[in-house]
PDB file of N, CA and C in Angstrom:
ATOM      1  N   MET A   1     146.953  42.158 107.715  1.00  0.00           N
ATOM      2  CA  MET A   1     146.999  42.686 106.843  1.00  0.00           C
ATOM      3  C   MET A   1     146.156  43.648 106.238  1.00  0.00           C
ATOM      4  N   ASN A   2     146.229  44.677 105.627  1.00  0.00           N
ATOM      5  CA  ASN A   2     145.208  45.197 105.132  1.00  0.00           C
ATOM      6  C   ASN A   2     143.869  44.525 104.126  1.00  0.00           C
ATOM      7  N   GLU A   3     142.924  44.767 104.537  1.00  0.00           N
ATOM      8  CA  GLU A   3     141.845  43.792 103.569  1.00  0.00           C
ATOM      9  C   GLU A   3     142.093  43.557 102.096  1.00  0.00           C
ATOM     10  N   LYS A   4     142.494  45.402 101.558  1.00  0.00           N
ATOM     11  CA  LYS A   4     142.297  45.496 100.079  1.00  0.00           C
ATOM     12  C   LYS A   4     143.365  44.767  99.470  1.00  0.00           C
ATOM     13  N   LEU A   5     144.439  44.670  99.873  1.00  0.00           N
ATOM     14  CA  LEU A   5     145.487  43.881  99.473  1.00  0.00           C
ATOM     15  C   LEU A   5     145.411  42.345  99.668  1.00  0.00           C
ATOM     16  N   GLU A   6     144.392  41.969 100.932  1.00  0.00           N
ATOM     17  CA  GLU A   6     144.377  40.562 101.195  1.00  0.00           C
ATOM     18  C   GLU A   6     143.846  40.311  99.722  1.00  0.00           C
ATOM     19  N   ARG A   7     143.031  41.074  99.660  1.00  0.00           N
ATOM     20  CA  ARG A   7     141.844  40.746  98.495  1.00  0.00           C
ATOM     21  C   ARG A   7     142.630  40.745  97.254  1.00  0.00           C
ATOM     22  N   TYR A   8     143.340  41.145  97.186  1.00  0.00           N
ATOM     23  CA  TYR A   8     144.202  41.631  95.536  1.00  0.00           C
ATOM     24  C   TYR A   8     145.145  40.401  95.515  1.00  0.00           C
ATOM     25  N   ILE A   9     145.463  39.784  96.520  1.00  0.00           N
ATOM     26  CA  ILE A   9     146.684  39.033  96.592  1.00  0.00           C
ATOM     27  C   ILE A   9     146.089  37.574  96.237  1.00  0.00           C
ATOM     28  N   LYS A  10     144.573  36.978  96.742  1.00  0.00           N
ATOM     29  CA  LYS A  10     143.690  35.768  96.196  1.00  0.00           C
ATOM     30  C   LYS A  10     143.580  35.990  95.135  1.00  0.00           C
ATOM     31  N   LYS A  11     142.905  37.368  94.609  1.00  0.00           N
ATOM     32  CA  LYS A  11     142.580  37.354  93.707  1.00  0.00           C
ATOM     33  C   LYS A  11     143.641  36.984  92.246  1.00  0.00           C
ATOM     34  N   LYS A  12     144.602  37.502  92.372  1.00  0.00           N
ATOM     35  CA  LYS A  12     146.516  37.528  91.531  1.00  0.00           C
ATOM     36  C   LYS A  12     146.778  35.858  91.839  1.00  0.00           C
ATOM     37  N   GLN A  13     146.410  35.131  93.159  1.00  0.00           N
ATOM     38  CA  GLN A  13     146.610  33.933  93.103  1.00  0.00           C
ATOM     39  C   GLN A  13     145.561  32.712  92.385  1.00  0.00           C
ATOM     40  N   ALA A  14     144.061  32.782  92.178  1.00  0.00           N
ATOM     41  CA  ALA A  14     143.499  32.564  91.347  1.00  0.00           C
ATOM     42  C   ALA A  14     143.270  32.431  90.330  1.00  0.00           C
ATOM     43  N   GLN A  15     144.001  33.959  89.643  1.00  0.00           N
ATOM     44  CA  GLN A  15     144.126  34.340  88.557  1.00  0.00           C
ATOM     45  C   GLN A  15     145.669  32.964  88.113  1.00  0.00           C
ATOM     46  N   GLU A  16     146.438  33.370  88.756  1.00  0.00           N
ATOM     47  CA  GLU A  16     147.571  32.649  88.463  1.00  0.00           C
ATOM     48  C   GLU A  16     147.391  30.853  88.574  1.00  0.00           C
ATOM     49  N   ALA A  17     146.624  30.723  88.965  1.00  0.00           N
ATOM     50  CA  ALA A  17     146.081  28.601  88.980  1.00  0.00           C
ATOM     51  C   ALA A  17     145.784  28.838  88.184  1.00  0.00           C
ATOM     52  N   GLU A  18     144.882  29.487  87.449  1.00  0.00           N
ATOM     53  CA  GLU A  18     143.787  29.311  86.272  1.00  0.00           C
ATOM     54  C   GLU A  18     144.656  28.953  85.076  1.00  0.00           C
ATOM     55  N   ARG A  19     145.753  30.091  84.859  1.00  0.00           N
ATOM     56  CA  ARG A  19     146.733  30.153  84.197  1.00  0.00           C
ATOM     57  C   ARG A  19     147.168  28.535  83.832  1.00  0.00           C
ATOM     58  N   ARG A  20     148.342  28.410  85.009  1.00  0.00           N
ATOM     59  CA  ARG A  20     148.492  27.351  85.186  1.00  0.00           C
ATOM     60  C   ARG A  20     147.873  26.468  83.999  1.00  0.00           C
ATOM     61  N   LYS A  21     146.450  26.084  85.039  1.00  0.00           N
ATOM     62  CA  LYS A  21     146.050  24.899  84.609  1.00  0.00           C
ATOM     63  C   LYS A  21     145.831  25.170  82.696  1.00  0.00           C
ATOM     64  N   SER A  22     145.718  26.474  82.603  1.00  0.00           N
ATOM     65  CA  SER A  22     145.042  26.594  80.856  1.00  0.00           C
ATOM     66  C   SER A  22     146.697  26.134  80.381  1.00  0.00           C
ATOM     67  N   LEU A  23     147.605  26.230  80.967  1.00  0.00           N
ATOM     68  CA  LEU A  23     149.174  25.851  80.184  1.00  0.00           C
ATOM     69  C   LEU A  23     148.950  24.260  80.182  1.00  0.00           C
ATOM     70  N   LEU A  24     149.268  23.944  80.797  1.00  0.00           N
ATOM     71  CA  LEU A  24     148.869  22.403  81.383  1.00  0.00           C
ATOM     72  C   LEU A  24     148.046  21.543  80.172  1.00  0.00           C
ATOM     73  N   ILE A  25     146.720  21.944  80.412  1.00  0.00           N
ATOM     74  CA  ILE A  25     145.491  21.732  79.042  1.00  0.00           C
ATOM     75  C   ILE A  25     146.188  21.464  77.767  1.00  0.00           C
ATOM     76  N   GLU A  26     146.387  22.813  77.568  1.00  0.00           N
ATOM     77  CA  GLU A  26     147.085  23.034  75.981  1.00  0.00           C
ATOM     78  C   GLU A  26     148.181  21.973  76.044  1.00  0.00           C
ATOM     79  N   ALA A  27     149.194  21.738  76.703  1.00  0.00           N
ATOM     80  CA  ALA A  27     150.265  21.443  76.344  1.00  0.00           C
ATOM     81  C   ALA A  27     150.018  19.708  76.535  1.00  0.00           C
ATOM     82  N   GLY A  28     148.783  19.504  76.758  1.00  0.00           N
ATOM     83  CA  GLY A  28     147.935  18.369  76.870  1.00  0.00           C
ATOM     84  C   GLY A  28     148.522  17.297  77.785  1.00  0.00           C
ATOM     85  N   LEU A  29     148.979  18.132  79.399  1.00  0.00           N
ATOM     86  CA  LEU A  29     149.008  17.432  80.734  1.00  0.00           C
ATOM     87  C   LEU A  29     147.825  17.226  81.215  1.00  0.00           C
ATOM     88  N   PHE A  30     147.050  16.552  80.631  1.00  0.00           N
ATOM     89  CA  PHE A  30     145.685  16.824  81.733  1.00  0.00           C
ATOM     90  C   PHE A  30     144.985  15.576  81.265  1.00  0.00           C
ATOM     91  N   ASP A  31     144.174  15.233  82.780  1.00  0.00           N
ATOM     92  CA  ASP A  31     142.906  13.455  82.812  1.00  0.00           C
ATOM     93  C   ASP A  31     141.863  14.178  82.161  1.00  0.00           C
ATOM     94  N   LYS A  32     140.889  13.354  81.880  1.00  0.00           N
ATOM     95  CA  LYS A  32     139.837  13.286  81.437  1.00  0.00           C
ATOM     96  C   LYS A  32     138.477  12.836  83.001  1.00  0.00           C
ATOM     97  N   GLU A  33     137.511  14.065  82.980  1.00  0.00           N
ATOM     98  CA  GLU A  33     136.651  13.179  83.922  1.00  0.00           C
ATOM     99  C   GLU A  33     135.713  13.363  82.910  1.00  0.00           C
ATOM    100  N   TYR A  34     135.121  11.925  82.785  1.00  0.00           N
ATOM    101  CA  TYR A  34     133.834  12.120  82.061  1.00  0.00           C
ATOM    102  C   TYR A  34     132.509  12.337  82.626  1.00  0.00           C
ATOM    103  N   ALA A  35     131.223  12.865  81.591  1.00  0.00           N
ATOM    104  CA  ALA A  35     130.560  13.218  82.384  1.00  0.00           C
ATOM    105  C   ALA A  35     129.379  11.771  82.849  1.00  0.00           C
ATOM    106  N   PRO A  36     128.613  11.989  84.140  1.00  0.00           N
ATOM    107  CA  PRO A  36     128.440  10.973  84.535  1.00  0.00           C
ATOM    108  C   PRO A  36     126.731  10.303  83.993  1.00  0.00           C
ATOM    109  N   ASP A  37     126.117  11.528  83.389  1.00  0.00           N
ATOM    110  CA  ASP A  37     125.186  11.022  82.378  1.00  0.00           C
ATOM    111  C   ASP A  37     125.196  11.215  81.286  1.00  0.00           C
ATOM    112  N   ASN A  38     126.322  11.596  80.637  1.00  0.00           N
ATOM    113  CA  ASN A  38     126.952  11.842  79.265  1.00  0.00           C
ATOM    114  C   ASN A  38     125.884  12.683  78.321  1.00  0.00           C
ATOM    115  N   ASP A  39     125.076  13.802  79.016  1.00  0.00           N
ATOM    116  CA  ASP A  39     124.314  14.706  78.547  1.00  0.00           C
ATOM    117  C   ASP A  39     125.085  15.351  77.913  1.00  0.00           C
ATOM    118  N   PRO A  40     124.690  15.641  76.357  1.00  0.00           N
ATOM    119  CA  PRO A  40     125.437  16.872  75.607  1.00  0.00           C
ATOM    120  C   PRO A  40     124.987  17.911  75.498  1.00  0.00           C
ATOM    121  N   ASN A  41     124.319  18.343  75.839  1.00  0.00           N
ATOM    122  CA  ASN A  41     123.406  20.016  76.248  1.00  0.00           C
ATOM    123  C   ASN A  41     124.373  19.854  78.251  1.00  0.00           C
ATOM    124  N   ASN A  42     125.348  19.593  78.441  1.00  0.00           N
ATOM    125  CA  ASN A  42     126.011  19.811  79.340  1.00  0.00           C
ATOM    126  C   ASN A  42     126.741  20.254  79.598  1.00  0.00           C
ATOM    127  N   PRO A  43     127.217  21.930  79.624  1.00  0.00           N
ATOM    128  CA  PRO A  43     128.249  22.796  79.208  1.00  0.00           C
ATOM    129  C   PRO A  43     129.350  22.475  79.810  1.00  0.00           C
ATOM    130  N   SER A  44     129.147  21.825  81.401  1.00  0.00           N
ATOM    131  CA  SER A  44     130.068  21.414  82.320  1.00  0.00           C
ATOM    132  C   SER A  44     131.218  20.562  81.021  1.00  0.00           C
ATOM    133  N   TYR A  45     130.767  19.869  80.159  1.00  0.00           N
ATOM    134  CA  TYR A  45     131.555  18.524  79.391  1.00  0.00           C
ATOM    135  C   TYR A  45     131.619  19.091  77.977  1.00  0.00           C
ATOM    136  N   PRO A  46     132.239  20.062  77.923  1.00  0.00           N
ATOM    137  CA  PRO A  46     132.091  20.447  76.679  1.00  0.00           C
ATOM    138  C   PRO A  46     133.051  19.745  75.428  1.00  0.00           C
ATOM    139  N   GLU A  47     133.880  18.882  75.864  1.00  0.00           N
ATOM    140  CA  GLU A  47     134.562  18.301  74.991  1.00  0.00           C
ATOM    141  C   GLU A  47     134.013  16.430  74.979  1.00  0.00           C
ATOM    142  N   PHE A  48     134.554  15.718  73.481  1.00  0.00           N
ATOM    143  CA  PHE A  48     133.920  14.503  73.500  1.00  0.00           C
ATOM    144  C   PHE A  48     134.789  13.789  72.927  1.00  0.00           C
ATOM    145  N   GLU A  49     134.460  12.326  73.094  1.00  0.00           N
ATOM    146  CA  GLU A  49     135.572  11.354  72.014  1.00  0.00           C
ATOM    147  C   GLU A  49     134.631  10.337  71.912  1.00  0.00           C
ATOM    148  N   TYR A  50     134.763   9.311  70.352  1.00  0.00           N
ATOM    149  CA  TYR A  50     134.185   8.361  70.460  1.00  0.00           C
ATOM    150  C   TYR A  50     134.611   7.194  70.870  1.00  0.00           C
ATOM    151  N   ASP A  51     134.064   6.669  71.848  1.00  0.00           N
ATOM    152  CA  ASP A  51     134.042   5.283  72.106  1.00  0.00           C
ATOM    153  C   ASP A  51     133.633   4.002  71.302  1.00  0.00           C
ATOM    154  N   GLU A  52     135.061   3.538  71.176  1.00  0.00           N
ATOM    155  CA  GLU A  52     134.734   2.181  70.244  1.00  0.00           C
ATOM    156  C   GLU A  52     133.672   1.142  70.462  1.00  0.00           C
ATOM    157  N   THR A  53     133.913   1.048  72.095  1.00  0.00           N
ATOM    158  CA  THR A  53     133.298  -0.309  72.384  1.00  0.00           C
ATOM    159  C   THR A  53     131.966  -0.131  72.663  1.00  0.00           C
ATOM    160  N   THR A  54     131.056   0.539  72.758  1.00  0.00           N
ATOM    161  CA  THR A  54     129.921   1.492  72.655  1.00  0.00           C
ATOM    162  C   THR A  54     129.244   2.438  71.362  1.00  0.00           C
ATOM    163  N   GLY A  55     130.365   2.694  70.803  1.00  0.00           N
ATOM    164  CA  GLY A  55     129.566   3.232  69.764  1.00  0.00           C
ATOM    165  C   GLY A  55     129.129   4.855  69.426  1.00  0.00           C
ATOM    166  N   LYS A  56     129.738   4.849  70.833  1.00  0.00           N
ATOM    167  CA  LYS A  56     129.279   6.518  70.907  1.00  0.00           C
ATOM    168  C   LYS A  56     129.858   7.021  71.459  1.00  0.00           C
ATOM    169  N   GLN A  57     129.361   9.159  71.327  1.00  0.00           N
ATOM    170  CA  GLN A  57     130.271   9.776  71.708  1.00  0.00           C
ATOM    171  C   GLN A  57     130.087  10.211  73.055  1.00  0.00           C
ATOM    172  N   LYS A  58     131.074   9.992  73.474  1.00  0.00           N
ATOM    173  CA  LYS A  58     131.087  10.090  75.399  1.00  0.00           C
ATOM    174  C   LYS A  58     131.898  11.434  76.064  1.00  0.00           C
ATOM    175  N   ARG A  59     130.995  12.438  76.596  1.00  0.00           N
ATOM    176  CA  ARG A  59     131.415  13.850  77.063  1.00  0.00           C
ATOM    177  C   ARG A  59     132.277  13.709  77.950  1.00  0.00           C
ATOM    178  N   TYR A  60     133.408  14.689  77.792  1.00  0.00           N
ATOM    179  CA  TYR A  60     134.522  14.366  78.983  1.00  0.00           C
ATOM    180  C   TYR A  60     134.922  16.083  79.213  1.00  0.00           C
ATOM    181  N   ARG A  61     135.455  16.653  80.091  1.00  0.00           N
ATOM    182  CA  ARG A  61     136.187  18.157  80.330  1.00  0.00           C
ATOM    183  C   ARG A  61     137.633  17.216  80.632  1.00  0.00           C
ATOM    184  N   ALA A  62     138.247  18.396  80.408  1.00  0.00           N
ATOM    185  CA  ALA A  62     140.158  18.490  80.391  1.00  0.00           C
ATOM    186  C   ALA A  62     140.166  18.776  82.220  1.00  0.00           C
ATOM    187  N   VAL A  63     141.075  17.808  82.662  1.00  0.00           N
ATOM    188  CA  VAL A  63     141.108  18.606  84.225  1.00  0.00           C
ATOM    189  C   VAL A  63     142.898  18.416  84.365  1.00  0.00           C
ATOM    190  N   ALA A  64     143.645  19.749  84.504  1.00  0.00           N
ATOM    191  CA  ALA A  64     144.918  19.792  84.102  1.00  0.00           C
ATOM    192  C   ALA A  64     145.359  18.980  85.705  1.00  0.00           C
ATOM    193  N   ILE A  65     146.525  18.144  85.171  1.00  0.00           N
ATOM    194  CA  ILE A  65     147.396  17.101  86.591  1.00  0.00           C
ATOM    195  C   ILE A  65     147.885  18.256  87.536  1.00  0.00           C
ATOM    196  N   GLU A  66     147.889  17.957  88.426  1.00  0.00           N
ATOM    197  CA  GLU A  66     148.630  18.472  89.436  1.00  0.00           C
ATOM    198  C   GLU A  66     150.151  18.196  89.892  1.00  0.00           C
ATOM    199  N   LEU A  67     150.591  19.481  89.785  1.00  0.00           N
ATOM    200  CA  LEU A  67     151.849  19.938  89.999  1.00  0.00           C
ATOM    201  C   LEU A  67     152.335  20.807  90.839  1.00  0.00           C
ATOM    202  N   SER A  68     153.347  20.365  91.273  1.00  0.00           N
ATOM    203  CA  SER A  68     154.315  21.126  92.757  1.00  0.00           C
ATOM    204  C   SER A  68     154.967  22.089  92.187  1.00  0.00           C
ATOM    205  N   ASP A  69     154.832  23.231  92.837  1.00  0.00           N
ATOM    206  CA  ASP A  69     155.507  24.242  92.102  1.00  0.00           C
ATOM    207  C   ASP A  69     157.134  24.116  91.448  1.00  0.00           C
ATOM    208  N   GLU A  70     157.832  23.034  91.856  1.00  0.00           N
ATOM    209  CA  GLU A  70     158.842  22.711  91.488  1.00  0.00           C
ATOM    210  C   GLU A  70     158.794  21.939  90.189  1.00  0.00           C
ATOM    211  N   GLU A  71     158.018  20.957  90.042  1.00  0.00           N
ATOM    212  CA  GLU A  71     157.489  20.276  88.980  1.00  0.00           C
ATOM    213  C   GLU A  71     157.078  21.824  87.858  1.00  0.00           C
ATOM    214  N   PHE A  72     156.150  22.618  88.023  1.00  0.00           N
ATOM    215  CA  PHE A  72     155.339  23.653  87.137  1.00  0.00           C
ATOM    216  C   PHE A  72     156.970  24.228  86.255  1.00  0.00           C
ATOM    217  N   ALA A  73     157.583  24.790  87.736  1.00  0.00           N
ATOM    218  CA  ALA A  73     158.937  25.626  87.243  1.00  0.00           C
ATOM    219  C   ALA A  73     159.553  24.578  86.494  1.00  0.00           C
ATOM    220  N   GLU A  74     160.175  23.175  86.402  1.00  0.00           N
ATOM    221  CA  GLU A  74     161.076  22.204  85.135  1.00  0.00           C
ATOM    222  C   GLU A  74     159.540  22.655  84.178  1.00  0.00           C
ATOM    223  N   PHE A  75     158.697  22.308  84.225  1.00  0.00           N
ATOM    224  CA  PHE A  75     157.411  22.512  83.204  1.00  0.00           C
ATOM    225  C   PHE A  75     158.012  23.207  81.740  1.00  0.00           C
ATOM    226  N   MET A  76     158.301  24.644  82.805  1.00  0.00           N
ATOM    227  CA  MET A  76     158.027  26.132  81.628  1.00  0.00           C
ATOM    228  C   MET A  76     159.163  25.789  81.672  1.00  0.00           C
ATOM    229  N   LYS A  77     160.472  25.625  81.611  1.00  0.00           N
ATOM    230  CA  LYS A  77     161.736  25.653  80.935  1.00  0.00           C
ATOM    231  C   LYS A  77     161.543  24.987  79.718  1.00  0.00           C
ATOM    232  N   TYR A  78     160.481  23.889  79.795  1.00  0.00           N
ATOM    233  CA  TYR A  78     160.475  23.353  77.808  1.00  0.00           C
ATOM    234  C   TYR A  78     159.701  23.623  77.537  1.00  0.00           C
ATOM    235  N   TYR A  79     158.334  24.310  78.036  1.00  0.00           N
ATOM    236  CA  TYR A  79     157.032  24.489  77.396  1.00  0.00           C
ATOM    237  C   TYR A  79     156.709  25.541  76.303  1.00  0.00           C
ATOM    238  N   ASN A  80     156.449  25.051  75.305  1.00  0.00           N
ATOM    239  CA  ASN A  80     156.879  26.123  74.287  1.00  0.00           C
ATOM    240  C   ASN A  80     155.302  26.082  73.469  1.00  0.00           C
ATOM    241  N   PRO A  81     154.320  26.990  73.250  1.00  0.00           N
ATOM    242  CA  PRO A  81     153.563  27.329  72.946  1.00  0.00           C
ATOM    243  C   PRO A  81     153.111  26.963  71.372  1.00  0.00           C
ATOM    244  N   LYS A  82     154.213  27.316  70.732  1.00  0.00           N
ATOM    245  CA  LYS A  82     154.174  26.860  69.430  1.00  0.00           C
ATOM    246  C   LYS A  82     154.403  25.633  68.953  1.00  0.00           C
ATOM    247  N   THR A  83     155.502  24.560  70.249  1.00  0.00           N
ATOM    248  CA  THR A  83     155.465  23.206  69.623  1.00  0.00           C
ATOM    249  C   THR A  83     154.555  22.728  70.838  1.00  0.00           C
ATOM    250  N   SER A  84     153.629  22.651  70.922  1.00  0.00           N
ATOM    251  CA  SER A  84     153.356  22.071  72.777  1.00  0.00           C
ATOM    252  C   SER A  84     152.066  21.247  71.691  1.00  0.00           C
ATOM    253  N   PRO A  85     151.479  20.062  72.193  1.00  0.00           N
ATOM    254  CA  PRO A  85     150.522  19.106  71.240  1.00  0.00           C
ATOM    255  C   PRO A  85     149.098  19.715  72.029  1.00  0.00           C
ATOM    256  N   SER A  86     148.964  20.989  71.602  1.00  0.00           N
ATOM    257  CA  SER A  86     147.694  21.326  72.389  1.00  0.00           C
ATOM    258  C   SER A  86     146.397  21.278  71.250  1.00  0.00           C
ATOM    259  N   GLN A  87     145.378  21.089  70.992  1.00  0.00           N
ATOM    260  CA  GLN A  87     144.485  21.208  70.349  1.00  0.00           C
ATOM    261  C   GLN A  87     144.230  21.375  68.608  1.00  0.00           C
ATOM    262  N   PRO A  88     143.789  20.487  67.948  1.00  0.00           N
ATOM    263  CA  PRO A  88     144.284  20.501  66.529  1.00  0.00           C
ATOM    264  C   PRO A  88     143.708  21.694  66.049  1.00  0.00           C
ATOM    265  N   THR A  89     144.378  22.465  65.087  1.00  0.00           N
ATOM    266  CA  THR A  89     143.941  23.663  64.719  1.00  0.00           C
ATOM    267  C   THR A  89     142.917  23.527  63.512  1.00  0.00           C
ATOM    268  N   SER A  90     141.619  24.389  63.449  1.00  0.00           N
ATOM    269  CA  SER A  90     140.687  23.883  62.686  1.00  0.00           C
ATOM    270  C   SER A  90     140.504  25.074  61.894  1.00  0.00           C
ATOM    271  N   ILE A  91     139.383  25.166  60.807  1.00  0.00           N
ATOM    272  CA  ILE A  91     139.176  26.097  60.013  1.00  0.00           C
ATOM    273  C   ILE A  91     137.580  26.161  59.705  1.00  0.00           C
ATOM    274  N   LYS A  92     136.638  27.439  59.988  1.00  0.00           N
ATOM    275  CA  LYS A  92     135.254  26.860  59.425  1.00  0.00           C
ATOM    276  C   LYS A  92     135.565  27.269  58.781  1.00  0.00           C
ATOM    277  N   ILE A  93     134.120  26.082  57.466  1.00  0.00           N
ATOM    278  CA  ILE A  93     134.041  25.888  56.157  1.00  0.00           C
ATOM    279  C   ILE A  93     133.275  26.440  56.327  1.00  0.00           C
ATOM    280  N   PRO A  94     132.485  27.685  55.116  1.00  0.00           N
ATOM    281  CA  PRO A  94     131.401  28.075  54.870  1.00  0.00           C
ATOM    282  C   PRO A  94     130.242  27.362  54.461  1.00  0.00           C
ATOM    283  N   HIS A  95     129.318  27.712  54.924  1.00  0.00           N
ATOM    284  CA  HIS A  95     128.177  26.635  54.623  1.00  0.00           C
ATOM    285  C   HIS A  95     127.347  27.309  52.918  1.00  0.00           C
ATOM    286  N   PRO A  96     127.774  26.247  52.402  1.00  0.00           N
ATOM    287  CA  PRO A  96     127.150  26.747  50.470  1.00  0.00           C
ATOM    288  C   PRO A  96     126.274  27.616  50.665  1.00  0.00           C
ATOM    289  N   GLY A  97     125.940  28.477  50.166  1.00  0.00           N
ATOM    290  CA  GLY A  97     125.682  29.406  49.961  1.00  0.00           C
ATOM    291  C   GLY A  97     126.301  30.893  50.506  1.00  0.00           C
ATOM    292  N   SER A  98     126.863  30.562  50.886  1.00  0.00           N
ATOM    293  CA  SER A  98     127.484  31.922  51.934  1.00  0.00           C
ATOM    294  C   SER A  98     128.431  32.585  51.354  1.00  0.00           C
ATOM    295  N   THR A  99     128.420  33.546  52.159  1.00  0.00           N
ATOM    296  CA  THR A  99     129.574  34.314  51.515  1.00  0.00           C
ATOM    297  C   THR A  99     131.313  34.838  51.789  1.00  0.00           C
ATOM    298  N   LEU A 100     132.225  34.362  51.457  1.00  0.00           N
ATOM    299  CA  LEU A 100     133.233  33.992  52.256  1.00  0.00           C
ATOM    300  C   LEU A 100     134.546  35.632  51.082  1.00  0.00           C
ATOM    301  N   GLN A 101     134.684  36.197  52.110  1.00  0.00           N
ATOM    302  CA  GLN A 101     135.623  37.064  51.307  1.00  0.00           C
ATOM    303  C   GLN A 101     136.421  36.851  51.437  1.00  0.00           C
ATOM    304  N   LYS A 102     137.860  37.670  49.965  1.00  0.00           N
ATOM    305  CA  LYS A 102     139.015  37.021  49.616  1.00  0.00           C
ATOM    306  C   LYS A 102     139.874  37.582  51.007  1.00  0.00           C
ATOM    307  N   PRO A 103     140.943  37.267  51.334  1.00  0.00           N
ATOM    308  CA  PRO A 103     141.656  37.537  52.130  1.00  0.00           C
ATOM    309  C   PRO A 103     142.488  38.886  51.510  1.00  0.00           C
ATOM    310  N   TYR A 104     143.032  39.906  52.757  1.00  0.00           N
ATOM    311  CA  TYR A 104     143.385  40.942  52.152  1.00  0.00           C
ATOM    312  C   TYR A 104     145.428  40.006  51.886  1.00  0.00           C
ATOM    313  N   GLY A 105     145.935  41.005  50.912  1.00  0.00           N
ATOM    314  CA  GLY A 105     146.877  40.555  51.187  1.00  0.00           C
ATOM    315  C   GLY A 105     147.627  39.160  50.715  1.00  0.00           C
ATOM    316  N   GLY A 106     146.718  38.596  49.512  1.00  0.00           N
ATOM    317  CA  GLY A 106     147.075  37.923  49.236  1.00  0.00           C
ATOM    318  C   GLY A 106     146.526  36.784  49.975  1.00  0.00           C
ATOM    319  N   GLY A 107     147.051  34.909  49.766  1.00  0.00           N
ATOM    320  CA  GLY A 107     146.093  34.125  50.207  1.00  0.00           C
ATOM    321  C   GLY A 107     144.914  33.435  48.958  1.00  0.00           C
ATOM    322  N   PHE A 108     145.431  33.646  48.160  1.00  0.00           N
ATOM    323  CA  PHE A 108     143.677  33.185  46.817  1.00  0.00           C
ATOM    324  C   PHE A 108     144.357  31.666  47.366  1.00  0.00           C
ATOM    325  N   LYS A 109     144.859  31.291  47.242  1.00  0.00           N
ATOM    326  CA  LYS A 109     145.228  29.630  47.069  1.00  0.00           C
ATOM    327  C   LYS A 109     144.399  29.142  47.971  1.00  0.00           C
ATOM    328  N   LEU A 110     144.009  29.972  49.415  1.00  0.00           N
ATOM    329  CA  LEU A 110     143.765  29.328  50.310  1.00  0.00           C
ATOM    330  C   LEU A 110     142.309  29.065  50.222  1.00  0.00           C
ATOM    331  N   TYR A 111     142.154  30.463  49.846  1.00  0.00           N
ATOM    332  CA  TYR A 111     140.128  30.757  49.680  1.00  0.00           C
ATOM    333  C   TYR A 111     139.989  29.977  48.937  1.00  0.00           C
ATOM    334  N   HIS A 112     140.160  29.955  47.677  1.00  0.00           N
ATOM    335  CA  HIS A 112     139.837  28.753  46.211  1.00  0.00           C
ATOM    336  C   HIS A 112     139.906  27.833  46.882  1.00  0.00           C
ATOM    337  N   ALA A 113     140.625  26.931  47.484  1.00  0.00           N
ATOM    338  CA  ALA A 113     140.711  25.990  47.984  1.00  0.00           C
ATOM    339  C   ALA A 113     139.569  25.765  49.252  1.00  0.00           C
ATOM    340  N   ILE A 114     139.252  26.837  50.018  1.00  0.00           N
ATOM    341  CA  ILE A 114     138.126  26.829  50.712  1.00  0.00           C
ATOM    342  C   ILE A 114     137.079  26.726  50.084  1.00  0.00           C
ATOM    343  N   MET A 115     136.824  27.239  49.277  1.00  0.00           N
ATOM    344  CA  MET A 115     135.310  27.665  48.735  1.00  0.00           C
ATOM    345  C   MET A 115     135.283  26.229  47.550  1.00  0.00           C
ATOM    346  N   ILE A 116     136.083  25.571  47.311  1.00  0.00           N
ATOM    347  CA  ILE A 116     136.304  24.495  46.443  1.00  0.00           C
ATOM    348  C   ILE A 116     135.180  23.388  47.477  1.00  0.00           C
ATOM    349  N   MET A 117     135.673  23.332  48.550  1.00  0.00           N
ATOM    350  CA  MET A 117     135.533  22.197  49.887  1.00  0.00           C
ATOM    351  C   MET A 117     134.356  22.454  50.465  1.00  0.00           C
ATOM    352  N   ALA A 118     133.929  24.104  50.283  1.00  0.00           N
ATOM    353  CA  ALA A 118     132.590  23.637  50.681  1.00  0.00           C
ATOM    354  C   ALA A 118     131.289  23.884  49.558  1.00  0.00           C
ATOM    355  N   VAL A 119     131.775  23.504  48.702  1.00  0.00           N
ATOM    356  CA  VAL A 119     130.449  23.067  47.221  1.00  0.00           C
ATOM    357  C   VAL A 119     130.486  21.569  47.807  1.00  0.00           C
TER     358      VAL A 119
END
């Protein structure tokens, strides 16, 4: 096989593997791999959860579950990003004293609610 074609195929296969992992994690189909040292500055473990037994935050990273090609095809039949139980949606609340522009085309009630919560 031509070297360029081989590199291209490997690159595309790696991209597809990452896409599959992302979709599974977004759908909530992942295991938690906890940080061995629970270091808050370790970028390899960006997520955290509260551990009630110790009363501390535990750092972890999401690791997509392993699926065969057939299982992944079945998953894709039912996967809908609009209804998947992905990470909760969040909005940034401005720091008191900062400015927030009113949204174009309406949205004043949301703008007003955010400004009230920011105070």
